[in-house]
C-alpha atoms as a PDB file:
ATOM      1  CA  UNK A   1     -25.174  23.021 -32.350  1.00  0.00           C
ATOM      2  CA  UNK A   2     -22.060  24.725 -33.573  1.00  0.00           C
ATOM      3  CA  UNK A   3     -19.112  22.332 -34.175  1.00  0.00           C
ATOM      4  CA  UNK A   4     -16.948  24.422 -31.826  1.00  0.00           C
ATOM      5  CA  UNK A   5     -19.545  24.099 -29.007  1.00  0.00           C
ATOM      6  CA  UNK A   6     -19.609  20.352 -29.649  1.00  0.00           C
ATOM      7  CA  UNK A   7     -15.816  20.120 -29.256  1.00  0.00           C
ATOM      8  CA  UNK A   8     -15.995  22.018 -25.990  1.00  0.00           C
ATOM      9  CA  UNK A   9     -18.671  19.635 -24.652  1.00  0.00           C
ATOM     10  CA  UNK A  10     -16.705  16.653 -25.909  1.00  0.00           C
ATOM     11  CA  UNK A  11     -13.566  18.022 -24.095  1.00  0.00           C
ATOM     12  CA  UNK A  12     -15.502  18.554 -20.905  1.00  0.00           C
ATOM     13  CA  UNK A  13     -17.049  15.072 -20.916  1.00  0.00           C
ATOM     14  CA  UNK A  14     -13.651  13.448 -21.654  1.00  0.00           C
ATOM     15  CA  UNK A  15     -12.016  15.395 -18.888  1.00  0.00           C
ATOM     16  CA  UNK A  16     -14.687  14.378 -16.383  1.00  0.00           C
ATOM     17  CA  UNK A  17     -14.425  10.675 -17.447  1.00  0.00           C
ATOM     18  CA  UNK A  18     -10.650  10.846 -17.237  1.00  0.00           C
ATOM     19  CA  UNK A  19     -10.771  12.186 -13.685  1.00  0.00           C
ATOM     20  CA  UNK A  20     -13.437   9.734 -12.673  1.00  0.00           C
ATOM     21  CA  UNK A  21     -11.344   6.880 -14.113  1.00  0.00           C
ATOM     22  CA  UNK A  22      -8.259   8.073 -12.239  1.00  0.00           C
ATOM     23  CA  UNK A  23     -10.332   8.263  -8.994  1.00  0.00           C
ATOM     24  CA  UNK A  24     -11.791   4.859  -9.493  1.00  0.00           C
ATOM     25  CA  UNK A  25      -8.393   3.332 -10.204  1.00  0.00           C
ATOM     26  CA  UNK A  26      -6.910   5.154  -7.231  1.00  0.00           C
ATOM     27  CA  UNK A  27      -9.601   3.736  -4.930  1.00  0.00           C
ATOM     28  CA  UNK A  28      -9.166   0.207  -6.447  1.00  0.00           C
ATOM     29  CA  UNK A  29      -5.465   0.346  -6.005  1.00  0.00           C
ATOM     30  CA  UNK A  30      -5.896   1.588  -2.400  1.00  0.00           C
ATOM     31  CA  UNK A  31      -8.183  -1.373  -1.723  1.00  0.00           C
ATOM     32  CA  UNK A  32      -5.723  -3.834  -3.242  1.00  0.00           C
ATOM     33  CA  UNK A  33      -2.957  -2.128  -1.247  1.00  0.00           C
ATOM     34  CA  UNK A  34      -4.975  -2.592   1.958  1.00  0.00           C
ATOM     35  CA  UNK A  35      -5.806  -6.114   1.111  1.00  0.00           C
ATOM     36  CA  UNK A  36      -2.175  -6.904   0.548  1.00  0.00           C
ATOM     37  CA  UNK A  37      -1.238  -5.521   4.013  1.00  0.00           C
ATOM     38  CA  UNK A  38      -4.094  -7.505   5.515  1.00  0.00           C
ATOM     39  CA  UNK A  39      -2.792 -10.736   3.992  1.00  0.00           C
ATOM     40  CA  UNK A  40       0.782  -9.973   5.116  1.00  0.00           C
ATOM     41  CA  UNK A  41      -0.386  -9.382   8.719  1.00  0.00           C
ATOM     42  CA  UNK A  42      -2.398 -12.609   8.729  1.00  0.00           C
ATOM     43  CA  UNK A  43       0.572 -14.566   7.358  1.00  0.00           C
ATOM     44  CA  UNK A  44       2.829 -13.076  10.068  1.00  0.00           C
ATOM     45  CA  UNK A  45       0.438 -13.967  12.748  1.00  0.00           C
ATOM     46  CA  UNK A  46      -0.066 -17.559  11.582  1.00  0.00           C
ATOM     47  CA  UNK A  47       3.704 -18.059  11.349  1.00  0.00           C
ATOM     48  CA  UNK A  48       4.262 -16.563  14.765  1.00  0.00           C
ATOM     49  CA  UNK A  49       1.536 -18.755  16.412  1.00  0.00           C
ATOM     50  CA  UNK A  50       2.965 -21.842  14.570  1.00  0.00           C
ATOM     51  CA  UNK A  51       6.461 -21.132  15.894  1.00  0.00           C
ATOM     52  CA  UNK A  52       5.140 -20.656  19.461  1.00  0.00           C
ATOM     53  CA  UNK A  53       3.062 -23.811  19.430  1.00  0.00           C
ATOM     54  CA  UNK A  54       6.112 -25.782  18.270  1.00  0.00           C
ATOM     55  CA  UNK A  55       8.267 -24.191  20.933  1.00  0.00           C
ATOM     56  CA  UNK A  56       5.609 -25.042  23.552  1.00  0.00           C
ATOM     57  CA  UNK A  57       5.836 -28.673  22.569  1.00  0.00           C
ATOM     58  CA  UNK A  58       2.121 -28.961  21.921  1.00  0.00           C
ATOM     59  CA  UNK A  59       0.755 -31.229  19.259  1.00  0.00           C
ATOM     60  CA  UNK A  60      -1.185 -29.556  16.455  1.00  0.00           C
ATOM     61  CA  UNK A  61      -2.160 -29.936  12.850  1.00  0.00           C
ATOM     62  CA  UNK A  62      -2.327 -26.964  10.452  1.00  0.00           C
ATOM     63  CA  UNK A  63      -5.127 -27.092   7.807  1.00  0.00           C
ATOM     64  CA  UNK A  64      -5.329 -24.855   4.756  1.00  0.00           C
ATOM     65  CA  UNK A  65      -9.122 -25.685   4.405  1.00  0.00           C
ATOM     66  CA  UNK A  66     -11.527 -27.279   6.804  1.00  0.00           C
ATOM     67  CA  UNK A  67     -11.114 -31.071   6.808  1.00  0.00           C
ATOM     68  CA  UNK A  68      -8.122 -31.031   4.496  1.00  0.00           C
ATOM     69  CA  UNK A  69      -4.577 -31.665   5.757  1.00  0.00           C
ATOM     70  CA  UNK A  70      -1.825 -29.339   4.470  1.00  0.00           C
ATOM     71  CA  UNK A  71       1.784 -30.314   3.710  1.00  0.00           C
ATOM     72  CA  UNK A  72       2.780 -28.484   6.803  1.00  0.00           C
ATOM     73  CA  UNK A  73       1.220 -31.113   9.106  1.00  0.00           C
ATOM     74  CA  UNK A  74       3.767 -31.600  11.935  1.00  0.00           C
ATOM     75  CA  UNK A  75       2.294 -33.781  14.732  1.00  0.00           C
ATOM     76  CA  UNK A  76      -0.895 -35.879  14.929  1.00  0.00           C
ATOM     77  CA  UNK A  77      -2.548 -36.733  18.216  1.00  0.00           C
ATOM     78  CA  UNK A  78      -5.897 -36.831  19.931  1.00  0.00           C
ATOM     79  CA  UNK A  79      -5.284 -33.361  21.513  1.00  0.00           C
ATOM     80  CA  UNK A  80      -4.434 -31.571  18.291  1.00  0.00           C
ATOM     81  CA  UNK A  81      -5.145 -27.849  17.768  1.00  0.00           C
ATOM     82  CA  UNK A  82      -6.478 -27.036  14.290  1.00  0.00           C
ATOM     83  CA  UNK A  83      -5.747 -23.698  12.621  1.00  0.00           C
ATOM     84  CA  UNK A  84      -8.261 -22.973   9.795  1.00  0.00           C
ATOM     85  CA  UNK A  85      -6.372 -20.911   7.260  1.00  0.00           C
ATOM     86  CA  UNK A  86      -9.356 -20.481   5.024  1.00  0.00           C
ATOM     87  CA  UNK A  87     -10.497 -17.665   7.321  1.00  0.00           C
ATOM     88  CA  UNK A  88      -7.081 -16.240   7.914  1.00  0.00           C
ATOM     89  CA  UNK A  89      -8.106 -12.788   6.602  1.00  0.00           C
ATOM     90  CA  UNK A  90     -10.746 -12.438   9.194  1.00  0.00           C
ATOM     91  CA  UNK A  91     -10.607 -14.940  11.987  1.00  0.00           C
ATOM     92  CA  UNK A  92      -8.103 -17.592  12.999  1.00  0.00           C
ATOM     93  CA  UNK A  93     -10.333 -20.344  14.432  1.00  0.00           C
ATOM     94  CA  UNK A  94      -8.746 -22.890  16.929  1.00  0.00           C
ATOM     95  CA  UNK A  95     -10.770 -26.109  17.209  1.00  0.00           C
ATOM     96  CA  UNK A  96      -9.871 -27.619  20.655  1.00  0.00           C
ATOM     97  CA  UNK A  97     -12.019 -29.579  23.148  1.00  0.00           C
ATOM     98  CA  UNK A  98     -10.655 -27.521  26.109  1.00  0.00           C
ATOM     99  CA  UNK A  99     -11.850 -23.893  26.034  1.00  0.00           C
ATOM    100  CA  UNK A 100      -8.759 -22.625  27.673  1.00  0.00           C
ATOM    101  CA  UNK A 101      -6.270 -24.510  25.490  1.00  0.00           C
ATOM    102  CA  UNK A 102      -5.150 -21.434  23.565  1.00  0.00           C
ATOM    103  CA  UNK A 103      -4.611 -19.458  26.792  1.00  0.00           C
ATOM    104  CA  UNK A 104      -2.753 -22.475  28.372  1.00  0.00           C
ATOM    105  CA  UNK A 105      -0.241 -22.684  25.562  1.00  0.00           C
ATOM    106  CA  UNK A 106       0.293 -18.960  25.100  1.00  0.00           C
ATOM    107  CA  UNK A 107      -0.182 -17.670  28.598  1.00  0.00           C
ATOM    108  CA  UNK A 108       0.549 -20.333  31.256  1.00  0.00           C
ATOM    109  CA  UNK A 109       3.692 -21.398  29.649  1.00  0.00           C
ATOM    110  CA  UNK A 110       4.793 -17.695  29.158  1.00  0.00           C
ATOM    111  CA  UNK A 111       4.809 -17.942  25.422  1.00  0.00           C
ATOM    112  CA  UNK A 112       2.022 -15.597  24.439  1.00  0.00           C
ATOM    113  CA  UNK A 113       2.243 -13.250  21.449  1.00  0.00           C
ATOM    114  CA  UNK A 114       4.589 -10.229  21.889  1.00  0.00           C
ATOM    115  CA  UNK A 115       3.273  -7.162  20.073  1.00  0.00           C
ATOM    116  CA  UNK A 116       6.837  -5.752  19.610  1.00  0.00           C
ATOM    117  CA  UNK A 117       8.181  -8.897  17.985  1.00  0.00           C
ATOM    118  CA  UNK A 118       4.994  -9.218  15.900  1.00  0.00           C
ATOM    119  CA  UNK A 119       5.455  -5.615  14.790  1.00  0.00           C
ATOM    120  CA  UNK A 120       9.053  -6.400  13.661  1.00  0.00           C
ATOM    121  CA  UNK A 121       7.875  -9.383  11.720  1.00  0.00           C
ATOM    122  CA  UNK A 122       5.106  -7.295  10.094  1.00  0.00           C
ATOM    123  CA  UNK A 123       7.481  -4.586   9.104  1.00  0.00           C
ATOM    124  CA  UNK A 124      10.044  -7.124   7.780  1.00  0.00           C
ATOM    125  CA  UNK A 125       7.381  -8.820   5.642  1.00  0.00           C
ATOM    126  CA  UNK A 126       6.866  -5.631   3.665  1.00  0.00           C
ATOM    127  CA  UNK A 127       8.742  -5.080   0.374  1.00  0.00           C
ATOM    128  CA  UNK A 128      12.118  -3.508   0.908  1.00  0.00           C
ATOM    129  CA  UNK A 129      11.331  -0.660  -1.461  1.00  0.00           C
ATOM    130  CA  UNK A 130       8.621   0.450   1.018  1.00  0.00           C
ATOM    131  CA  UNK A 131      11.122   1.032   3.828  1.00  0.00           C
ATOM    132  CA  UNK A 132       9.525   4.406   4.363  1.00  0.00           C
ATOM    133  CA  UNK A 133       6.334   2.801   5.692  1.00  0.00           C
ATOM    134  CA  UNK A 134       5.910   2.861   9.467  1.00  0.00           C
ATOM    135  CA  UNK A 135       4.050   0.006  11.125  1.00  0.00           C
ATOM    136  CA  UNK A 136       2.439  -0.705  14.426  1.00  0.00           C
ATOM    137  CA  UNK A 137       0.613  -3.593  16.151  1.00  0.00           C
ATOM    138  CA  UNK A 138      -2.318  -3.316  18.535  1.00  0.00           C
ATOM    139  CA  UNK A 139      -2.793  -6.448  20.676  1.00  0.00           C
ATOM    140  CA  UNK A 140      -6.003  -6.772  22.764  1.00  0.00           C
ATOM    141  CA  UNK A 141      -6.858  -9.308  25.444  1.00  0.00           C
ATOM    142  CA  UNK A 142     -10.610  -9.150  25.050  1.00  0.00           C
ATOM    143  CA  UNK A 143     -11.282 -10.979  28.348  1.00  0.00           C
ATOM    144  CA  UNK A 144      -9.503  -8.512  30.523  1.00  0.00           C
ATOM    145  CA  UNK A 145     -10.014  -5.618  27.980  1.00  0.00           C
ATOM    146  CA  UNK A 146      -6.302  -4.940  28.055  1.00  0.00           C
ATOM    147  CA  UNK A 147      -4.854  -3.132  25.066  1.00  0.00           C
ATOM    148  CA  UNK A 148      -1.187  -3.264  24.384  1.00  0.00           C
ATOM    149  CA  UNK A 149       0.450  -1.335  21.508  1.00  0.00           C
ATOM    150  CA  UNK A 150       3.849  -2.155  20.081  1.00  0.00           C
ATOM    151  CA  UNK A 151       4.605   1.583  19.883  1.00  0.00           C
ATOM    152  CA  UNK A 152       2.849   3.187  22.915  1.00  0.00           C
ATOM    153  CA  UNK A 153       1.572   6.797  22.401  1.00  0.00           C
ATOM    154  CA  UNK A 154       2.532   6.701  18.723  1.00  0.00           C
ATOM    155  CA  UNK A 155       0.412   8.892  16.312  1.00  0.00           C
ATOM    156  CA  UNK A 156       0.338   6.019  13.878  1.00  0.00           C
ATOM    157  CA  UNK A 157      -2.652   4.590  15.736  1.00  0.00           C
ATOM    158  CA  UNK A 158      -4.669   7.801  14.996  1.00  0.00           C
ATOM    159  CA  UNK A 159      -3.316   8.951  11.714  1.00  0.00           C
ATOM    160  CA  UNK A 160      -2.254   5.636  10.036  1.00  0.00           C
ATOM    161  CA  UNK A 161      -4.355   3.187   7.977  1.00  0.00           C
ATOM    162  CA  UNK A 162      -5.551   0.038   9.829  1.00  0.00           C
ATOM    163  CA  UNK A 163      -6.073  -3.474   8.749  1.00  0.00           C
ATOM    164  CA  UNK A 164      -9.146  -5.487   9.769  1.00  0.00           C
ATOM    165  CA  UNK A 165      -9.083  -6.988  13.248  1.00  0.00           C
ATOM    166  CA  UNK A 166      -7.834 -10.603  13.478  1.00  0.00           C
ATOM    167  CA  UNK A 167      -9.723 -12.558  16.163  1.00  0.00           C
ATOM    168  CA  UNK A 168      -7.722 -15.335  17.756  1.00  0.00           C
ATOM    169  CA  UNK A 169      -8.990 -18.192  19.898  1.00  0.00           C
ATOM    170  CA  UNK A 170     -12.219 -20.190  20.065  1.00  0.00           C
ATOM    171  CA  UNK A 171     -14.294 -17.164  20.837  1.00  0.00           C
ATOM    172  CA  UNK A 172     -11.993 -14.457  19.740  1.00  0.00           C
ATOM    173  CA  UNK A 173     -10.449 -14.046  23.152  1.00  0.00           C
ATOM    174  CA  UNK A 174      -7.524 -12.169  21.624  1.00  0.00           C
ATOM    175  CA  UNK A 175      -7.429  -9.744  18.721  1.00  0.00           C
ATOM    176  CA  UNK A 176      -4.513  -8.373  16.685  1.00  0.00           C
ATOM    177  CA  UNK A 177      -4.685  -5.341  14.427  1.00  0.00           C
ATOM    178  CA  UNK A 178      -2.000  -3.906  12.192  1.00  0.00           C
ATOM    179  CA  UNK A 179      -1.405  -0.201  11.453  1.00  0.00           C
ATOM    180  CA  UNK A 180       0.668   1.339   8.684  1.00  0.00           C
ATOM    181  CA  UNK A 181       1.487   4.874   7.656  1.00  0.00           C
ATOM    182  CA  UNK A 182       3.075   5.379   4.181  1.00  0.00           C
ATOM    183  CA  UNK A 183       5.419   8.318   3.820  1.00  0.00           C
ATOM    184  CA  UNK A 184       3.753   9.054   0.448  1.00  0.00           C
ATOM    185  CA  UNK A 185       0.049   9.618   0.167  1.00  0.00           C
ATOM    186  CA  UNK A 186      -0.224   6.933  -2.449  1.00  0.00           C
ATOM    187  CA  UNK A 187       2.047   4.011  -3.007  1.00  0.00           C
ATOM    188  CA  UNK A 188       0.728   1.719  -5.829  1.00  0.00           C
ATOM    189  CA  UNK A 189       1.161  -1.929  -5.087  1.00  0.00           C
ATOM    190  CA  UNK A 190       1.104  -2.737  -8.763  1.00  0.00           C
ATOM    191  CA  UNK A 191       2.811  -1.148 -11.777  1.00  0.00           C
ATOM    192  CA  UNK A 192       1.991   2.521 -12.334  1.00  0.00           C
ATOM    193  CA  UNK A 193       2.016   2.153 -16.154  1.00  0.00           C
ATOM    194  CA  UNK A 194      -1.767   2.084 -16.309  1.00  0.00           C
ATOM    195  CA  UNK A 195      -1.762   5.608 -14.803  1.00  0.00           C
ATOM    196  CA  UNK A 196       1.040   6.751 -17.093  1.00  0.00           C
ATOM    197  CA  UNK A 197      -0.750   5.475 -20.158  1.00  0.00           C
ATOM    198  CA  UNK A 198      -4.069   7.167 -19.180  1.00  0.00           C
ATOM    199  CA  UNK A 199      -2.079  10.487 -18.622  1.00  0.00           C
ATOM    200  CA  UNK A 200      -0.365  10.221 -22.043  1.00  0.00           C
ATOM    201  CA  UNK A 201      -3.679   9.524 -23.745  1.00  0.00           C
ATOM    202  CA  UNK A 202      -5.259  12.620 -22.039  1.00  0.00           C
ATOM    203  CA  UNK A 203      -2.287  14.796 -23.094  1.00  0.00           C
ATOM    204  CA  UNK A 204      -2.641  13.654 -26.741  1.00  0.00           C
ATOM    205  CA  UNK A 205      -6.439  14.327 -26.596  1.00  0.00           C
ATOM    206  CA  UNK A 206      -5.736  17.842 -25.260  1.00  0.00           C
ATOM    207  CA  UNK A 207      -3.141  18.414 -27.998  1.00  0.00           C
ATOM    208  CA  UNK A 208      -5.635  17.462 -30.763  1.00  0.00           C
ATOM    209  CA  UNK A 209      -8.343  19.644 -29.055  1.00  0.00           C
ATOM    210  CA  UNK A 210      -6.027  22.647 -29.004  1.00  0.00           C
ATOM    211  CA  UNK A 211      -4.922  22.041 -32.610  1.00  0.00           C
ATOM    212  CA  UNK A 212      -8.594  21.840 -33.754  1.00  0.00           C
ATOM    213  CA  UNK A 213      -9.421  25.085 -32.037  1.00  0.00           C
ATOM    214  CA  UNK A 214      -6.488  26.815 -33.804  1.00  0.00           C
ATOM    215  CA  UNK A 215      -7.605  25.440 -37.114  1.00  0.00           C
ATOM    216  CA  UNK A 216     -11.173  26.576 -36.389  1.00  0.00           C
ATOM    217  CA  UNK A 217      -9.872  30.043 -35.613  1.00  0.00           C
ATOM    218  CA  UNK A 218      -7.920  30.105 -38.842  1.00  0.00           C
ATOM    219  CA  UNK A 219     -10.996  29.073 -40.888  1.00  0.00           C
ATOM    220  CA  UNK A 220     -12.976  31.765 -39.157  1.00  0.00           C
ATOM    221  CA  UNK A 221     -10.375  34.411 -40.095  1.00  0.00           C
ATOM    222  CA  UNK A 222     -10.442  33.099 -43.745  1.00  0.00           C
ATOM    223  CA  UNK A 223     -14.152  33.332 -43.859  1.00  0.00           C
ATOM    224  CA  UNK A 224     -14.088  36.924 -42.662  1.00  0.00           C
ATOM    225  CA  UNK A 225     -11.739  37.700 -45.528  1.00  0.00           C
ATOM    226  CA  UNK A 226     -14.005  36.147 -48.130  1.00  0.00           C
ATOM    227  CA  UNK A 227     -15.802  39.340 -49.154  1.00  0.00           C
ATOM    228  CA  UNK A 228     -13.437  41.521 -51.314  1.00  0.00           C
ATOM    229  CA  UNK A 229     -13.362  45.308 -51.144  1.00  0.00           C
ATOM    230  CA  UNK A 230     -16.196  46.826 -53.245  1.00  0.00           C
ATOM    231  CA  UNK A 231     -15.229  48.813 -56.346  1.00  0.00           C
ATOM    232  CA  UNK A 232     -17.602  51.531 -55.128  1.00  0.00           C
ATOM    233  CA  UNK A 233     -19.050  52.337 -51.702  1.00  0.00           C
ATOM    234  CA  UNK A 234     -22.710  53.068 -52.330  1.00  0.00           C
ATOM    235  CA  UNK A 235     -23.756  53.290 -48.632  1.00  0.00           C
ATOM    236  CA  UNK A 236     -23.254  57.059 -48.660  1.00  0.00           C
ATOM    237  CA  UNK A 237     -26.432  57.446 -50.748  1.00  0.00           C
ATOM    238  CA  UNK A 238     -28.497  55.874 -47.956  1.00  0.00           C
ATOM    239  CA  UNK A 239     -30.371  57.915 -45.392  1.00  0.00           C
ATOM    240  CA  UNK A 240     -29.047  57.295 -41.936  1.00  0.00           C
ATOM    241  CA  UNK A 241     -30.286  55.757 -39.653  1.00  0.00           C
ATOM    242  CA  UNK A 242     -32.853  53.373 -41.139  1.00  0.00           C
ATOM    243  CA  UNK A 243     -35.584  51.915 -39.055  1.00  0.00           C
ATOM    244  CA  UNK A 244     -35.602  48.259 -40.029  1.00  0.00           C
ATOM    245  CA  UNK A 245     -38.083  47.054 -37.343  1.00  0.00           C
ATOM    246  CA  UNK A 246     -39.460  48.642 -34.147  1.00  0.00           C
ATOM    247  CA  UNK A 247     -36.286  47.432 -32.246  1.00  0.00           C
ATOM    248  CA  UNK A 248     -33.670  47.535 -35.048  1.00  0.00           C
ATOM    249  CA  UNK A 249     -32.057  50.723 -36.354  1.00  0.00           C
ATOM    250  CA  UNK A 250     -29.444  50.626 -39.075  1.00  0.00           C
ATOM    251  CA  UNK A 251     -26.881  53.351 -39.645  1.00  0.00           C
ATOM    252  CA  UNK A 252     -25.775  52.710 -43.190  1.00  0.00           C
ATOM    253  CA  UNK A 253     -23.061  55.357 -43.314  1.00  0.00           C
ATOM    254  CA  UNK A 254     -21.271  53.905 -40.272  1.00  0.00           C
ATOM    255  CA  UNK A 255     -22.341  50.287 -40.799  1.00  0.00           C
ATOM    256  CA  UNK A 256     -23.812  49.959 -37.291  1.00  0.00           C
ATOM    257  CA  UNK A 257     -26.866  48.000 -36.280  1.00  0.00           C
ATOM    258  CA  UNK A 258     -28.723  48.973 -33.025  1.00  0.00           C
ATOM    259  CA  UNK A 259     -30.827  46.311 -31.462  1.00  0.00           C
ATOM    260  CA  UNK A 260     -32.051  46.019 -27.804  1.00  0.00           C
ATOM    261  CA  UNK A 261     -29.307  48.275 -26.473  1.00  0.00           C
ATOM    262  CA  UNK A 262     -26.691  46.292 -28.319  1.00  0.00           C
ATOM    263  CA  UNK A 263     -24.486  47.641 -31.083  1.00  0.00           C
ATOM    264  CA  UNK A 264     -23.276  45.519 -33.957  1.00  0.00           C
ATOM    265  CA  UNK A 265     -20.559  46.992 -36.212  1.00  0.00           C
ATOM    266  CA  UNK A 266     -20.353  45.715 -39.798  1.00  0.00           C
ATOM    267  CA  UNK A 267     -17.335  45.843 -42.088  1.00  0.00           C
ATOM    268  CA  UNK A 268     -17.498  47.825 -45.372  1.00  0.00           C
ATOM    269  CA  UNK A 269     -18.204  44.638 -47.304  1.00  0.00           C
ATOM    270  CA  UNK A 270     -20.999  43.385 -45.013  1.00  0.00           C
ATOM    271  CA  UNK A 271     -22.489  46.985 -44.759  1.00  0.00           C
ATOM    272  CA  UNK A 272     -22.620  46.985 -48.549  1.00  0.00           C
ATOM    273  CA  UNK A 273     -24.248  43.608 -48.705  1.00  0.00           C
ATOM    274  CA  UNK A 274     -26.881  44.307 -46.069  1.00  0.00           C
ATOM    275  CA  UNK A 275     -27.805  47.719 -47.522  1.00  0.00           C
ATOM    276  CA  UNK A 276     -28.482  46.200 -50.962  1.00  0.00           C
ATOM    277  CA  UNK A 277     -30.760  43.592 -49.364  1.00  0.00           C
ATOM    278  CA  UNK A 278     -32.771  46.327 -47.687  1.00  0.00           C
ATOM    279  CA  UNK A 279     -33.031  48.281 -50.945  1.00  0.00           C
ATOM    280  CA  UNK A 280     -34.105  45.280 -53.053  1.00  0.00           C
ATOM    281  CA  UNK A 281     -37.763  44.448 -53.617  1.00  0.00           C
ATOM    282  CA  UNK A 282     -38.961  41.918 -51.100  1.00  0.00           C
ATOM    283  CA  UNK A 283     -35.396  41.986 -49.652  1.00  0.00           C
ATOM    284  CA  UNK A 284     -34.385  39.554 -52.459  1.00  0.00           C
ATOM    285  CA  UNK A 285     -31.079  39.504 -54.404  1.00  0.00           C
ATOM    286  CA  UNK A 286     -30.430  37.004 -57.188  1.00  0.00           C
ATOM    287  CA  UNK A 287     -27.207  35.100 -57.443  1.00  0.00           C
ATOM    288  CA  UNK A 288     -26.319  37.334 -60.441  1.00  0.00           C
ATOM    289  CA  UNK A 289     -26.935  40.472 -58.460  1.00  0.00           C
ATOM    290  CA  UNK A 290     -24.785  39.224 -55.594  1.00  0.00           C
ATOM    291  CA  UNK A 291     -21.987  38.335 -58.082  1.00  0.00           C
ATOM    292  CA  UNK A 292     -22.118  41.846 -59.555  1.00  0.00           C
ATOM    293  CA  UNK A 293     -22.301  43.455 -56.178  1.00  0.00           C
ATOM    294  CA  UNK A 294     -19.253  41.614 -54.711  1.00  0.00           C
ATOM    295  CA  UNK A 295     -17.093  40.998 -57.745  1.00  0.00           C
ATOM    296  CA  UNK A 296     -18.426  42.730 -60.737  1.00  0.00           C
ATOM    297  CA  UNK A 297     -19.646  41.204 -63.981  1.00  0.00           C
ATOM    298  CA  UNK A 298     -16.254  40.334 -65.283  1.00  0.00           C
ATOM    299  CA  UNK A 299     -15.434  38.144 -62.168  1.00  0.00           C
ATOM    300  CA  UNK A 300     -18.429  35.906 -61.382  1.00  0.00           C
ATOM    301  CA  UNK A 301     -18.518  34.630 -57.757  1.00  0.00           C
ATOM    302  CA  UNK A 302     -18.281  30.909 -57.196  1.00  0.00           C
ATOM    303  CA  UNK A 303     -21.065  29.171 -55.301  1.00  0.00           C
ATOM    304  CA  UNK A 304     -18.826  28.214 -52.471  1.00  0.00           C
ATOM    305  CA  UNK A 305     -17.499  31.761 -51.959  1.00  0.00           C
ATOM    306  CA  UNK A 306     -21.006  33.218 -52.253  1.00  0.00           C
ATOM    307  CA  UNK A 307     -22.175  30.739 -49.538  1.00  0.00           C
ATOM    308  CA  UNK A 308     -19.263  31.643 -47.294  1.00  0.00           C
ATOM    309  CA  UNK A 309     -20.157  35.355 -47.761  1.00  0.00           C
ATOM    310  CA  UNK A 310     -23.706  34.748 -46.641  1.00  0.00           C
ATOM    311  CA  UNK A 311     -22.406  32.798 -43.635  1.00  0.00           C
ATOM    312  CA  UNK A 312     -20.253  35.687 -42.554  1.00  0.00           C
ATOM    313  CA  UNK A 313     -23.052  38.135 -42.821  1.00  0.00           C
ATOM    314  CA  UNK A 314     -25.486  35.846 -40.893  1.00  0.00           C
ATOM    315  CA  UNK A 315     -22.839  35.448 -38.138  1.00  0.00           C
ATOM    316  CA  UNK A 316     -22.751  39.176 -37.643  1.00  0.00           C
ATOM    317  CA  UNK A 317     -26.589  39.507 -37.773  1.00  0.00           C
ATOM    318  CA  UNK A 318     -27.174  36.742 -35.217  1.00  0.00           C
ATOM    319  CA  UNK A 319     -27.782  39.094 -32.281  1.00  0.00           C
ATOM    320  CA  UNK A 320     -30.384  41.172 -34.197  1.00  0.00           C
ATOM    321  CA  UNK A 321     -32.587  38.245 -35.384  1.00  0.00           C
ATOM    322  CA  UNK A 322     -32.019  39.182 -39.070  1.00  0.00           C
ATOM    323  CA  UNK A 323     -31.062  36.311 -41.334  1.00  0.00           C
ATOM    324  CA  UNK A 324     -30.236  35.708 -45.009  1.00  0.00           C
ATOM    325  CA  UNK A 325     -31.592  32.508 -46.488  1.00  0.00           C
ATOM    326  CA  UNK A 326     -31.352  30.727 -49.848  1.00  0.00           C
ATOM    327  CA  UNK A 327     -34.540  31.088 -51.875  1.00  0.00           C
ATOM    328  CA  UNK A 328     -35.244  28.289 -54.364  1.00  0.00           C
ATOM    329  CA  UNK A 329     -31.631  28.281 -55.466  1.00  0.00           C
ATOM    330  CA  UNK A 330     -32.373  31.523 -57.388  1.00  0.00           C
ATOM    331  CA  UNK A 331     -30.814  33.871 -54.884  1.00  0.00           C
ATOM    332  CA  UNK A 332     -31.061  34.951 -51.281  1.00  0.00           C
ATOM    333  CA  UNK A 333     -33.713  36.772 -49.274  1.00  0.00           C
ATOM    334  CA  UNK A 334     -33.331  38.774 -46.012  1.00  0.00           C
ATOM    335  CA  UNK A 335     -35.638  37.502 -43.280  1.00  0.00           C
ATOM    336  CA  UNK A 336     -36.883  40.321 -40.953  1.00  0.00           C
ATOM    337  CA  UNK A 337     -38.438  39.186 -37.715  1.00  0.00           C
END
């Protein structure tokens, strides 16, 4: 595989991995963002219920984990209501001997949850720098199947993002769900530096890739300039065109190869080089003959420049199937398919 092709493949793979990485981090951040809103809604609901229970004058104990008292224990009695905060992100469980205790406290005494006030608390709990975020609360009485929205007929309930449903009561008699609609498509909850760092890395990689291509192009131009002008153009002595194979014709005067309806034009230097290979016995030219052909006896050609000259010729002959190869380090032979 050519080094240039390898660089293109490497660039493609790196670009794909970069985009996949950004997409993965984007989804991860969105999940963290949603989880953050879920926790904020749950905290707001717990605080609101706690406030209403205290206002109702009902005894209760708040637990952070099942069977473990928290520092926020207020009143102890036999008719205590327990709030299990370990499941706060999914369900707030009230352990009470009377099935209708929750409804008694929040309904009969007229102290039930108000969606509008809960919406205000939910909005206020968000970071001030996210003031552009719109919020909404959906309150559902699952016994009567009554749905109450804090913002009736607002498009946020259709277009916005939703938290998980919080089930309240012994058997989930009531549910609360939060909705939010950011003004921006993506608002990272954490620092955006990880994205900035990845983007800078990708830009640096692209810069090195472009520079390597420019360098490769410069080397290609230098290689094409390896063969010097011949002291004498001997191609005029050749008959034109020459039938190299059944599918390859060679016009030595014009330096054109015809193969499978394709035309390959050679420079004067390459035309001279190829014509001498075709004239030589067994299509073989010794290193000395190549030196004399390209430079003359007084200026012997170095091994490196001779190799580069062969590379340039092979590059032009690639479409025809012809190829020049080193033969036992004594010279080069033209391989005809």
